[in-house]
Structures are given as structure tokens and as C-alpha cells.
Amino acid sequence: MTESNIDSTTDSDCTGFDRRDTGCGRQCACQTRSAGAVQWNRDYGQRSKPCAGQSVLQSTTVVLTASSAGQNPPSQTVTVPDLIGETRAAADSALARLGLQAQFSGTGTTVNDQSPPPEEQVLQGSTVILTVGTDQAPPTLPPPPPRMVTVPDVIGLTQAAATNVLGRLGLDVRFSGTGSTVSHQSPAPGQQVQQGSTVVLTMSGNSIPK
């Protein structure tokens, strides 16, 4: 709170003058017409006491009530969201909700880069540059090589038993003949084949001892 001595007997209207106008060498109504001492409460003169135009004794203190009305509030900081993979419209909307501006670079439809990066703190009103490109499917990896298995010996087994043994190895079975046991197989026992291969089993009526 400061005071400035001035030299007439009529209180002037200091409303709207800031403290620098009334307290330094600038010409204004408060300097040339007011009497006594000017007492400031804050930063910007809004009203005075005694009222403007009121006669007062010399050495009377004039109290000016001030406010900072009209000043913009300080900008807030916000966290930049992760917009990689978002569409142009979705990214623009997300930034607008945070008080940020979007600037797009490129002609695609999907954001694939951004500056500032995600999670960085910036002031509201800042601009985030988004690079957009064409949607691209991820590269297709080649299928893994098929697993090789050894054909077991199923000669002499019943149809159900042979099917069970070959199925556990990932092999398919095709039967020929009308017998109850396997009398022949192709591929032969011990050969290496890919999983999913078919083993042909010939069925006969007599069981072949092993």
C-alpha cells in the first residue's frame, strides 16, 4: 500500500487509473486535482473514498479500492494426450477438450506421429502438430515351418487304436479294406512326415502278431 501527496482541496475521480498513473510523474486528474494523500489497496483504481468531487481537508487520506478486473487469468498447464493411431477428427476433438490447438501435417487419415510427445506438460492454447498418413495393415509374417513327426508303427492295431495313436501326433488317417486290424500302412513306420499328413491304413480280418 503506497501514498502520494498531491496539492488541491477537491477530491478527483481516480476511477479507472492505475497506480502508476497516479503515483508517478504522468499527468492525470488524480495528480492535479486531488488533495491529501492517495492510498492504494491493489493494482488498478476502480473507485475512491471520499467520492469524486467531494470537498475534503488538506492532508485527508483518499482511499482507492482497486481490482485486477480485465486481466486475463494465468494459463493452465495440461498433459498432451497420446493420439497415435487416432483419426484426424478424434485427435482434433481430444485436443479441443483440453484447450489445445491441432495442426495437421500430411494427407492421410490416421495420426502416426505427434509433437509435443504424449504426457508432456504444455500451456492451454498451445499447438500440437500431428502427422497423419494412410492406414497400413501390419506386415504379414510368413507362417512357421510345419513340424515334422515320425510315423509310428500301427500294424496289428485295431482301427480305433491306430486312429488314437496317429491323432496324438497330428496325423490324419484314411482306411481301406473291411478288416478289424491294420495289416499295412503308408507311409511306412519310421518315416518323417509333416504334421497334418495322412497315413493310409489297410485293414484285414486277421491280427498280425508283433
C-alpha atoms as a PDB file:
ATOM      1  CA  MET A   1       0.000   0.000   0.000  1.00  0.00           C
ATOM      2  CA  THR A   2       1.580   3.367  -1.071  1.00  0.00           C
ATOM      3  CA  GLU A   3       0.720   7.028  -0.630  1.00  0.00           C
ATOM      4  CA  SER A   4       1.309  10.003  -2.947  1.00  0.00           C
ATOM      5  CA  ASN A   5       0.966  13.633  -1.723  1.00  0.00           C
ATOM      6  CA  ILE A   6      -0.958  15.965  -4.037  1.00  0.00           C
ATOM      7  CA  ASP A   7      -1.959  19.576  -3.718  1.00  0.00           C
ATOM      8  CA  SER A   8      -5.562  20.789  -4.163  1.00  0.00           C
ATOM      9  CA  THR A   9      -8.601  20.678  -1.966  1.00  0.00           C
ATOM     10  CA  THR A  10     -11.071  18.831  -4.204  1.00  0.00           C
ATOM     11  CA  ASP A  11     -11.044  15.040  -4.434  1.00  0.00           C
ATOM     12  CA  SER A  12     -10.762  13.967  -8.076  1.00  0.00           C
ATOM     13  CA  ASP A  13     -12.152  10.969  -9.854  1.00  0.00           C
ATOM     14  CA  CYS A  14      -9.358   8.362  -9.916  1.00  0.00           C
ATOM     15  CA  THR A  15     -11.610   5.590 -11.095  1.00  0.00           C
ATOM     16  CA  GLY A  16     -10.006   3.625 -13.894  1.00  0.00           C
ATOM     17  CA  PHE A  17      -6.469   4.998 -13.453  1.00  0.00           C
ATOM     18  CA  ASP A  18      -3.788   2.571 -12.477  1.00  0.00           C
ATOM     19  CA  ARG A  19      -1.441   3.202  -9.615  1.00  0.00           C
ATOM     20  CA  ARG A  20       1.413   4.087 -11.913  1.00  0.00           C
ATOM     21  CA  ASP A  21      -0.630   6.953 -13.422  1.00  0.00           C
ATOM     22  CA  THR A  22      -1.450   8.458 -10.021  1.00  0.00           C
ATOM     23  CA  GLY A  23       1.809   7.768  -8.259  1.00  0.00           C
ATOM     24  CA  CYS A  24       4.439   8.889 -10.787  1.00  0.00           C
ATOM     25  CA  GLY A  25       5.031  11.963 -12.939  1.00  0.00           C
ATOM     26  CA  ARG A  26       2.276  11.314 -15.511  1.00  0.00           C
ATOM     27  CA  GLN A  27      -0.428  13.939 -15.930  1.00  0.00           C
ATOM     28  CA  CYS A  28      -3.833  12.781 -14.773  1.00  0.00           C
ATOM     29  CA  ALA A  29      -6.778  14.015 -12.772  1.00  0.00           C
ATOM     30  CA  CYS A  30      -5.591  12.318  -9.632  1.00  0.00           C
ATOM     31  CA  GLN A  31      -2.307  14.220  -9.634  1.00  0.00           C
ATOM     32  CA  THR A  32      -3.501  17.704 -10.500  1.00  0.00           C
ATOM     33  CA  ARG A  33      -6.856  17.975  -8.753  1.00  0.00           C
ATOM     34  CA  SER A  34      -6.946  15.723  -5.726  1.00  0.00           C
ATOM     35  CA  ALA A  35      -5.945  16.708  -2.246  1.00  0.00           C
ATOM     36  CA  GLY A  36      -4.154  14.985   0.609  1.00  0.00           C
ATOM     37  CA  ALA A  37      -2.718  11.525   0.237  1.00  0.00           C
ATOM     38  CA  VAL A  38      -3.749   8.806  -2.198  1.00  0.00           C
ATOM     39  CA  GLN A  39      -3.850   5.349  -0.642  1.00  0.00           C
ATOM     40  CA  TRP A  40      -3.904   2.317  -2.941  1.00  0.00           C
ATOM     41  CA  ASN A  41      -5.267  -1.069  -1.960  1.00  0.00           C
ATOM     42  CA  ARG A  42      -4.427  -3.192  -5.011  1.00  0.00           C
ATOM     43  CA  ASP A  43      -3.285  -2.745  -8.612  1.00  0.00           C
ATOM     44  CA  TYR A  44      -5.926  -0.879 -10.609  1.00  0.00           C
ATOM     45  CA  GLY A  45      -8.060   2.072  -9.389  1.00  0.00           C
ATOM     46  CA  GLN A  46     -11.752   1.290  -9.551  1.00  0.00           C
ATOM     47  CA  ARG A  47     -13.336   3.686  -7.053  1.00  0.00           C
ATOM     48  CA  SER A  48     -12.253   6.256  -4.469  1.00  0.00           C
ATOM     49  CA  LYS A  49     -13.290   7.222  -0.966  1.00  0.00           C
ATOM     50  CA  PRO A  50     -14.209  10.053  -0.345  1.00  0.00           C
ATOM     51  CA  CYS A  51     -16.276  10.114  -3.530  1.00  0.00           C
ATOM     52  CA  ALA A  52     -15.105  12.002  -6.573  1.00  0.00           C
ATOM     53  CA  GLY A  53     -15.949  15.732  -6.350  1.00  0.00           C
ATOM     54  CA  GLN A  54     -16.322  15.759  -2.550  1.00  0.00           C
ATOM     55  CA  SER A  55     -14.519  18.597  -0.715  1.00  0.00           C
ATOM     56  CA  VAL A  56     -12.104  17.456   1.972  1.00  0.00           C
ATOM     57  CA  LEU A  57      -9.499  18.963   4.288  1.00  0.00           C
ATOM     58  CA  GLN A  58      -5.915  19.054   3.228  1.00  0.00           C
ATOM     59  CA  SER A  59      -3.949  16.028   4.471  1.00  0.00           C
ATOM     60  CA  THR A  60      -7.062  13.849   4.210  1.00  0.00           C
ATOM     61  CA  THR A  61      -6.273  10.352   3.020  1.00  0.00           C
ATOM     62  CA  VAL A  62      -8.085   9.294  -0.161  1.00  0.00           C
ATOM     63  CA  VAL A  63      -8.605   5.536  -0.236  1.00  0.00           C
ATOM     64  CA  LEU A  64      -8.702   3.981  -3.691  1.00  0.00           C
ATOM     65  CA  THR A  65     -10.129   0.485  -3.961  1.00  0.00           C
ATOM     66  CA  ALA A  66      -8.503  -1.416  -6.795  1.00  0.00           C
ATOM     67  CA  SER A  67      -9.037  -4.662  -8.594  1.00  0.00           C
ATOM     68  CA  SER A  68      -7.387  -6.606 -11.366  1.00  0.00           C
ATOM     69  CA  ALA A  69     -10.574  -6.813 -13.458  1.00  0.00           C
ATOM     70  CA  GLY A  70      -9.815  -7.032 -17.140  1.00  0.00           C
ATOM     71  CA  GLN A  71      -6.633  -9.014 -16.687  1.00  0.00           C
ATOM     72  CA  ASN A  72      -6.511 -12.445 -18.285  1.00  0.00           C
ATOM     73  CA  PRO A  73      -6.130 -15.274 -15.753  1.00  0.00           C
ATOM     74  CA  PRO A  74      -2.848 -17.199 -15.943  1.00  0.00           C
ATOM     75  CA  SER A  75      -2.873 -20.070 -18.424  1.00  0.00           C
ATOM     76  CA  GLN A  76      -3.168 -23.560 -17.015  1.00  0.00           C
ATOM     77  CA  THR A  77      -0.915 -26.444 -17.946  1.00  0.00           C
ATOM     78  CA  VAL A  78      -2.382 -29.631 -19.411  1.00  0.00           C
ATOM     79  CA  THR A  79      -0.972 -33.031 -20.325  1.00  0.00           C
ATOM     80  CA  VAL A  80      -0.657 -33.827 -24.020  1.00  0.00           C
ATOM     81  CA  PRO A  81      -2.671 -36.989 -24.757  1.00  0.00           C
ATOM     82  CA  ASP A  82      -1.423 -39.939 -26.794  1.00  0.00           C
ATOM     83  CA  LEU A  83      -3.042 -39.528 -30.217  1.00  0.00           C
ATOM     84  CA  ILE A  84      -1.029 -42.072 -32.211  1.00  0.00           C
ATOM     85  CA  GLY A  85      -3.431 -44.249 -34.201  1.00  0.00           C
ATOM     86  CA  GLU A  86      -6.379 -41.863 -33.813  1.00  0.00           C
ATOM     87  CA  THR A  87      -8.284 -40.405 -36.759  1.00  0.00           C
ATOM     88  CA  ARG A  88      -7.954 -36.714 -37.609  1.00  0.00           C
ATOM     89  CA  ALA A  89     -11.416 -35.973 -36.234  1.00  0.00           C
ATOM     90  CA  ALA A  90     -10.873 -37.887 -32.981  1.00  0.00           C
ATOM     91  CA  ALA A  91      -7.476 -36.262 -32.375  1.00  0.00           C
ATOM     92  CA  ASP A  92      -8.836 -32.771 -33.067  1.00  0.00           C
ATOM     93  CA  SER A  93     -11.728 -33.343 -30.661  1.00  0.00           C
ATOM     94  CA  ALA A  94      -9.468 -34.706 -27.902  1.00  0.00           C
ATOM     95  CA  LEU A  95      -7.162 -31.682 -28.106  1.00  0.00           C
ATOM     96  CA  ALA A  96     -10.036 -29.193 -28.186  1.00  0.00           C
ATOM     97  CA  ARG A  97     -11.446 -30.617 -24.945  1.00  0.00           C
ATOM     98  CA  LEU A  98      -8.106 -29.777 -23.285  1.00  0.00           C
ATOM     99  CA  GLY A  99      -7.927 -26.285 -24.774  1.00  0.00           C
ATOM    100  CA  LEU A 100      -5.191 -27.230 -27.253  1.00  0.00           C
ATOM    101  CA  GLN A 101      -4.934 -26.486 -30.972  1.00  0.00           C
ATOM    102  CA  ALA A 102      -4.324 -29.172 -33.610  1.00  0.00           C
ATOM    103  CA  GLN A 103      -2.127 -28.616 -36.644  1.00  0.00           C
ATOM    104  CA  PHE A 104      -2.110 -31.459 -39.165  1.00  0.00           C
ATOM    105  CA  SER A 105       0.714 -32.385 -41.482  1.00  0.00           C
ATOM    106  CA  GLY A 106       0.184 -34.886 -44.303  1.00  0.00           C
ATOM    107  CA  THR A 107      -2.827 -36.084 -46.255  1.00  0.00           C
ATOM    108  CA  GLY A 108      -3.687 -39.347 -44.531  1.00  0.00           C
ATOM    109  CA  THR A 109      -6.476 -40.146 -42.117  1.00  0.00           C
ATOM    110  CA  THR A 110      -4.604 -41.601 -39.132  1.00  0.00           C
ATOM    111  CA  VAL A 111      -2.139 -39.941 -36.741  1.00  0.00           C
ATOM    112  CA  ASN A 112       1.244 -41.663 -36.844  1.00  0.00           C
ATOM    113  CA  ASP A 113       3.392 -39.023 -35.116  1.00  0.00           C
ATOM    114  CA  GLN A 114       2.897 -36.028 -32.822  1.00  0.00           C
ATOM    115  CA  SER A 115       4.841 -33.138 -31.335  1.00  0.00           C
ATOM    116  CA  PRO A 116       4.926 -32.475 -28.396  1.00  0.00           C
ATOM    117  CA  PRO A 117       5.002 -36.168 -27.468  1.00  0.00           C
ATOM    118  CA  PRO A 118       2.392 -37.788 -25.209  1.00  0.00           C
ATOM    119  CA  GLU A 119       2.451 -36.954 -21.475  1.00  0.00           C
ATOM    120  CA  GLU A 120       4.344 -33.670 -21.949  1.00  0.00           C
ATOM    121  CA  GLN A 121       3.042 -30.677 -19.971  1.00  0.00           C
ATOM    122  CA  VAL A 122       2.096 -27.632 -22.071  1.00  0.00           C
ATOM    123  CA  LEU A 123       0.094 -24.423 -21.580  1.00  0.00           C
ATOM    124  CA  GLN A 124      -3.533 -24.336 -22.645  1.00  0.00           C
ATOM    125  CA  GLY A 125      -3.784 -22.794 -26.085  1.00  0.00           C
ATOM    126  CA  SER A 126      -0.596 -24.493 -27.292  1.00  0.00           C
ATOM    127  CA  THR A 127      -0.485 -26.155 -30.711  1.00  0.00           C
ATOM    128  CA  VAL A 128       0.120 -29.885 -31.139  1.00  0.00           C
ATOM    129  CA  ILE A 129       1.492 -30.867 -34.552  1.00  0.00           C
ATOM    130  CA  LEU A 130       0.044 -34.144 -35.796  1.00  0.00           C
ATOM    131  CA  THR A 131       1.486 -36.068 -38.728  1.00  0.00           C
ATOM    132  CA  VAL A 132      -1.156 -38.135 -40.497  1.00  0.00           C
ATOM    133  CA  GLY A 133      -0.727 -40.934 -43.008  1.00  0.00           C
ATOM    134  CA  THR A 134      -2.616 -43.672 -44.775  1.00  0.00           C
ATOM    135  CA  ASP A 135      -3.758 -46.638 -42.742  1.00  0.00           C
ATOM    136  CA  GLN A 136      -1.425 -49.553 -43.290  1.00  0.00           C
ATOM    137  CA  ALA A 137      -2.025 -53.125 -42.286  1.00  0.00           C
ATOM    138  CA  PRO A 138       0.769 -54.643 -40.215  1.00  0.00           C
ATOM    139  CA  PRO A 139       3.186 -56.724 -42.244  1.00  0.00           C
ATOM    140  CA  THR A 140       2.129 -60.330 -42.645  1.00  0.00           C
ATOM    141  CA  LEU A 141       4.627 -62.727 -41.130  1.00  0.00           C
ATOM    142  CA  PRO A 142       5.352 -65.935 -43.009  1.00  0.00           C
ATOM    143  CA  PRO A 143       3.791 -68.995 -41.425  1.00  0.00           C
ATOM    144  CA  PRO A 144       6.131 -71.065 -39.272  1.00  0.00           C
ATOM    145  CA  PRO A 145       7.611 -74.137 -40.926  1.00  0.00           C
ATOM    146  CA  PRO A 146       5.496 -77.255 -40.389  1.00  0.00           C
ATOM    147  CA  ARG A 147       6.511 -79.589 -37.615  1.00  0.00           C
ATOM    148  CA  MET A 148       7.916 -82.936 -38.677  1.00  0.00           C
ATOM    149  CA  VAL A 149       6.884 -86.138 -36.872  1.00  0.00           C
ATOM    150  CA  THR A 150       7.883 -89.783 -37.138  1.00  0.00           C
ATOM    151  CA  VAL A 151       5.224 -92.195 -38.402  1.00  0.00           C
ATOM    152  CA  PRO A 152       4.596 -94.817 -35.723  1.00  0.00           C
ATOM    153  CA  ASP A 153       4.113 -98.491 -36.392  1.00  0.00           C
ATOM    154  CA  VAL A 154       0.389 -99.213 -36.087  1.00  0.00           C
ATOM    155  CA  ILE A 155       0.303-102.564 -37.898  1.00  0.00           C
ATOM    156  CA  GLY A 156      -1.749-105.063 -35.927  1.00  0.00           C
ATOM    157  CA  LEU A 157      -3.734-102.391 -34.077  1.00  0.00           C
ATOM    158  CA  THR A 158      -7.468-102.036 -34.300  1.00  0.00           C
ATOM    159  CA  GLN A 159      -8.952 -99.162 -36.240  1.00  0.00           C
ATOM    160  CA  ALA A 160      -9.755 -97.259 -33.062  1.00  0.00           C
ATOM    161  CA  ALA A 161      -6.311 -97.783 -31.526  1.00  0.00           C
ATOM    162  CA  ALA A 162      -4.476 -96.803 -34.726  1.00  0.00           C
ATOM    163  CA  THR A 163      -6.601 -93.662 -35.075  1.00  0.00           C
ATOM    164  CA  ASN A 164      -5.802 -92.682 -31.489  1.00  0.00           C
ATOM    165  CA  VAL A 165      -2.024 -93.165 -31.888  1.00  0.00           C
ATOM    166  CA  LEU A 166      -1.806 -91.230 -35.151  1.00  0.00           C
ATOM    167  CA  GLY A 167      -4.154 -88.471 -33.935  1.00  0.00           C
ATOM    168  CA  ARG A 168      -1.917 -87.677 -30.949  1.00  0.00           C
ATOM    169  CA  LEU A 169       0.881 -86.889 -33.414  1.00  0.00           C
ATOM    170  CA  GLY A 170      -1.310 -84.595 -35.515  1.00  0.00           C
ATOM    171  CA  LEU A 171      -1.675 -87.097 -38.360  1.00  0.00           C
ATOM    172  CA  ASP A 172      -4.824 -87.855 -40.310  1.00  0.00           C
ATOM    173  CA  VAL A 173      -5.942 -91.419 -41.072  1.00  0.00           C
ATOM    174  CA  ARG A 174      -7.607 -92.980 -44.080  1.00  0.00           C
ATOM    175  CA  PHE A 175      -8.681 -96.610 -44.012  1.00  0.00           C
ATOM    176  CA  SER A 176      -9.036 -99.122 -46.791  1.00  0.00           C
ATOM    177  CA  GLY A 177     -10.411-102.655 -46.520  1.00  0.00           C
ATOM    178  CA  THR A 178     -13.038-104.119 -44.232  1.00  0.00           C
ATOM    179  CA  GLY A 179     -10.997-105.990 -41.629  1.00  0.00           C
ATOM    180  CA  SER A 180     -10.676-105.307 -37.935  1.00  0.00           C
ATOM    181  CA  THR A 181      -6.909-104.781 -37.675  1.00  0.00           C
ATOM    182  CA  VAL A 182      -4.226-102.878 -39.591  1.00  0.00           C
ATOM    183  CA  SER A 183      -2.243-105.106 -41.933  1.00  0.00           C
ATOM    184  CA  HIS A 184      -0.411-102.397 -43.893  1.00  0.00           C
ATOM    185  CA  GLN A 185       0.357 -98.688 -43.631  1.00  0.00           C
ATOM    186  CA  SER A 186       1.692 -95.941 -45.865  1.00  0.00           C
ATOM    187  CA  PRO A 187       3.954 -94.111 -45.165  1.00  0.00           C
ATOM    188  CA  ALA A 188       5.907 -96.904 -43.551  1.00  0.00           C
ATOM    189  CA  PRO A 189       6.837 -96.832 -39.878  1.00  0.00           C
ATOM    190  CA  GLY A 190       9.835 -94.620 -39.058  1.00  0.00           C
ATOM    191  CA  GLN A 191       9.400 -92.138 -41.924  1.00  0.00           C
ATOM    192  CA  GLN A 192       9.410 -88.384 -41.245  1.00  0.00           C
ATOM    193  CA  VAL A 193       6.300 -86.549 -42.378  1.00  0.00           C
ATOM    194  CA  GLN A 194       4.726 -83.146 -41.731  1.00  0.00           C
ATOM    195  CA  GLN A 195       2.037 -82.787 -39.126  1.00  0.00           C
ATOM    196  CA  GLY A 196      -1.311 -82.932 -40.855  1.00  0.00           C
ATOM    197  CA  SER A 197      -0.179 -85.584 -43.311  1.00  0.00           C
ATOM    198  CA  THR A 198      -2.451 -88.560 -43.994  1.00  0.00           C
ATOM    199  CA  VAL A 199      -1.460 -92.120 -43.178  1.00  0.00           C
ATOM    200  CA  VAL A 200      -3.290 -94.771 -45.215  1.00  0.00           C
ATOM    201  CA  LEU A 201      -4.063 -97.933 -43.255  1.00  0.00           C
ATOM    202  CA  THR A 202      -5.124-101.195 -44.872  1.00  0.00           C
ATOM    203  CA  MET A 203      -7.428-103.248 -42.716  1.00  0.00           C
ATOM    204  CA  SER A 204      -7.691-107.051 -42.766  1.00  0.00           C
ATOM    205  CA  GLY A 205      -9.578-109.653 -40.835  1.00  0.00           C
ATOM    206  CA  ASN A 206      -6.607-111.272 -39.079  1.00  0.00           C
ATOM    207  CA  SER A 207      -4.459-109.698 -36.427  1.00  0.00           C
ATOM    208  CA  ILE A 208      -0.765-109.734 -37.266  1.00  0.00           C
ATOM    209  CA  PRO A 209       1.344-110.648 -34.241  1.00  0.00           C
ATOM    210  CA  LYS A 210       4.141-108.226 -33.346  1.00  0.00           C
END
